[in-house]
Amino acid sequence: MSDPILDEIRRYRDEQAAKFNYDLAAIFRDVKGREEESRRNGRVFISAPDMPGKLIEPTPSTDELPPRQSAA
């Protein structure tokens, strides 16, 4: 099944990537440069919200665990 909107997005994405020879660092610099130009022109970018509860705490290694108490 083909979706014309997705096809257009993929075509645009491929054109942009080809413009920079599929170099991710170059694509990133271009995006950041256009973002900075937009800021200079008055566009405001809103930071992504913090996602409390979504962070996974690392599991401590056995060296970091407190010693077990013996049952009496």
C-alpha atoms as a PDB file:
ATOM      1  CA  MET A   1       0.000   0.000   0.000  1.00  0.00           C
ATOM      2  CA  SER A   2       1.375   3.387  -0.969  1.00  0.00           C
ATOM      3  CA  ASP A   3       0.616   6.590   0.915  1.00  0.00           C
ATOM      4  CA  PRO A   4       1.150   9.726  -1.210  1.00  0.00           C
ATOM      5  CA  ILE A   5       1.964  11.896   1.823  1.00  0.00           C
ATOM      6  CA  LEU A   6       4.576   9.466   3.124  1.00  0.00           C
ATOM      7  CA  ASP A   7       5.976   9.092  -0.393  1.00  0.00           C
ATOM      8  CA  GLU A   8       6.388  12.871  -0.631  1.00  0.00           C
ATOM      9  CA  ILE A   9       8.064  13.062   2.792  1.00  0.00           C
ATOM     10  CA  ARG A  10      10.452  10.238   1.913  1.00  0.00           C
ATOM     11  CA  ARG A  11      11.252  11.828  -1.454  1.00  0.00           C
ATOM     12  CA  TYR A  12      11.993  15.190   0.220  1.00  0.00           C
ATOM     13  CA  ARG A  13      14.103  13.505   2.927  1.00  0.00           C
ATOM     14  CA  ASP A  14      16.097  11.628   0.295  1.00  0.00           C
ATOM     15  CA  GLU A  15      16.632  14.820  -1.749  1.00  0.00           C
ATOM     16  CA  GLN A  16      17.940  16.624   1.332  1.00  0.00           C
ATOM     17  CA  ALA A  17      20.234  13.728   2.271  1.00  0.00           C
ATOM     18  CA  ALA A  18      21.568  13.467  -1.296  1.00  0.00           C
ATOM     19  CA  LYS A  19      22.303  17.202  -1.268  1.00  0.00           C
ATOM     20  CA  PHE A  20      24.826  16.488   1.519  1.00  0.00           C
ATOM     21  CA  ASN A  21      26.043  13.186   0.066  1.00  0.00           C
ATOM     22  CA  TYR A  22      24.236  11.353   2.905  1.00  0.00           C
ATOM     23  CA  ASP A  23      26.745  12.783   5.419  1.00  0.00           C
ATOM     24  CA  LEU A  24      24.854  12.931   8.724  1.00  0.00           C
ATOM     25  CA  ALA A  25      27.226  15.491  10.251  1.00  0.00           C
ATOM     26  CA  ALA A  26      26.722  17.818   7.271  1.00  0.00           C
ATOM     27  CA  ILE A  27      22.949  17.343   7.398  1.00  0.00           C
ATOM     28  CA  PHE A  28      22.976  18.132  11.135  1.00  0.00           C
ATOM     29  CA  ARG A  29      25.052  21.301  10.605  1.00  0.00           C
ATOM     30  CA  ASP A  30      22.621  22.439   7.917  1.00  0.00           C
ATOM     31  CA  VAL A  31      19.579  21.816  10.134  1.00  0.00           C
ATOM     32  CA  LYS A  32      21.193  23.671  13.061  1.00  0.00           C
ATOM     33  CA  GLY A  33      22.192  26.528  10.757  1.00  0.00           C
ATOM     34  CA  ARG A  34      18.649  26.895   9.424  1.00  0.00           C
ATOM     35  CA  GLU A  35      17.352  26.694  12.986  1.00  0.00           C
ATOM     36  CA  GLU A  36      19.691  29.511  14.056  1.00  0.00           C
ATOM     37  CA  GLU A  37      18.655  31.618  11.055  1.00  0.00           C
ATOM     38  CA  SER A  38      15.007  31.133  12.044  1.00  0.00           C
ATOM     39  CA  ARG A  39      15.828  32.274  15.589  1.00  0.00           C
ATOM     40  CA  ARG A  40      17.459  35.427  14.216  1.00  0.00           C
ATOM     41  CA  ASN A  41      14.275  36.043  12.230  1.00  0.00           C
ATOM     42  CA  GLY A  42      12.205  35.894  15.413  1.00  0.00           C
ATOM     43  CA  ARG A  43      10.992  32.306  15.462  1.00  0.00           C
ATOM     44  CA  VAL A  44      10.753  30.852  18.954  1.00  0.00           C
ATOM     45  CA  PHE A  45      11.602  27.205  19.570  1.00  0.00           C
ATOM     46  CA  ILE A  46      10.072  25.485  22.575  1.00  0.00           C
ATOM     47  CA  SER A  47      12.134  22.874  24.399  1.00  0.00           C
ATOM     48  CA  ALA A  48      10.763  19.378  24.746  1.00  0.00           C
ATOM     49  CA  PRO A  49       9.100  18.840  28.123  1.00  0.00           C
ATOM     50  CA  ASP A  50      10.848  16.857  30.811  1.00  0.00           C
ATOM     51  CA  MET A  51       9.496  13.356  31.056  1.00  0.00           C
ATOM     52  CA  PRO A  52       9.564  12.503  34.773  1.00  0.00           C
ATOM     53  CA  GLY A  53       9.210   8.840  35.465  1.00  0.00           C
ATOM     54  CA  LYS A  54      10.459   7.898  32.003  1.00  0.00           C
ATOM     55  CA  LEU A  55      14.114   7.661  32.988  1.00  0.00           C
ATOM     56  CA  ILE A  56      15.358   4.223  33.907  1.00  0.00           C
ATOM     57  CA  GLU A  57      17.718   4.185  36.845  1.00  0.00           C
ATOM     58  CA  PRO A  58      20.793   2.059  36.258  1.00  0.00           C
ATOM     59  CA  THR A  59      20.899  -1.176  38.196  1.00  0.00           C
ATOM     60  CA  PRO A  60      23.660  -1.042  40.812  1.00  0.00           C
ATOM     61  CA  SER A  61      26.451  -3.542  40.506  1.00  0.00           C
ATOM     62  CA  THR A  62      26.831  -6.105  43.285  1.00  0.00           C
ATOM     63  CA  ASP A  63      29.776  -4.089  44.603  1.00  0.00           C
ATOM     64  CA  GLU A  64      27.461  -1.122  45.230  1.00  0.00           C
ATOM     65  CA  LEU A  65      24.761  -3.075  47.111  1.00  0.00           C
ATOM     66  CA  PRO A  66      24.705  -2.942  50.910  1.00  0.00           C
ATOM     67  CA  PRO A  67      25.603  -6.208  52.676  1.00  0.00           C
ATOM     68  CA  ARG A  68      22.684  -8.489  53.483  1.00  0.00           C
ATOM     69  CA  GLN A  69      21.476  -8.756  57.032  1.00  0.00           C
ATOM     70  CA  SER A  70      21.270 -12.276  58.346  1.00  0.00           C
ATOM     71  CA  ALA A  71      17.837 -13.401  59.501  1.00  0.00           C
ATOM     72  CA  ALA A  72      17.671 -14.086  63.239  1.00  0.00           C
END
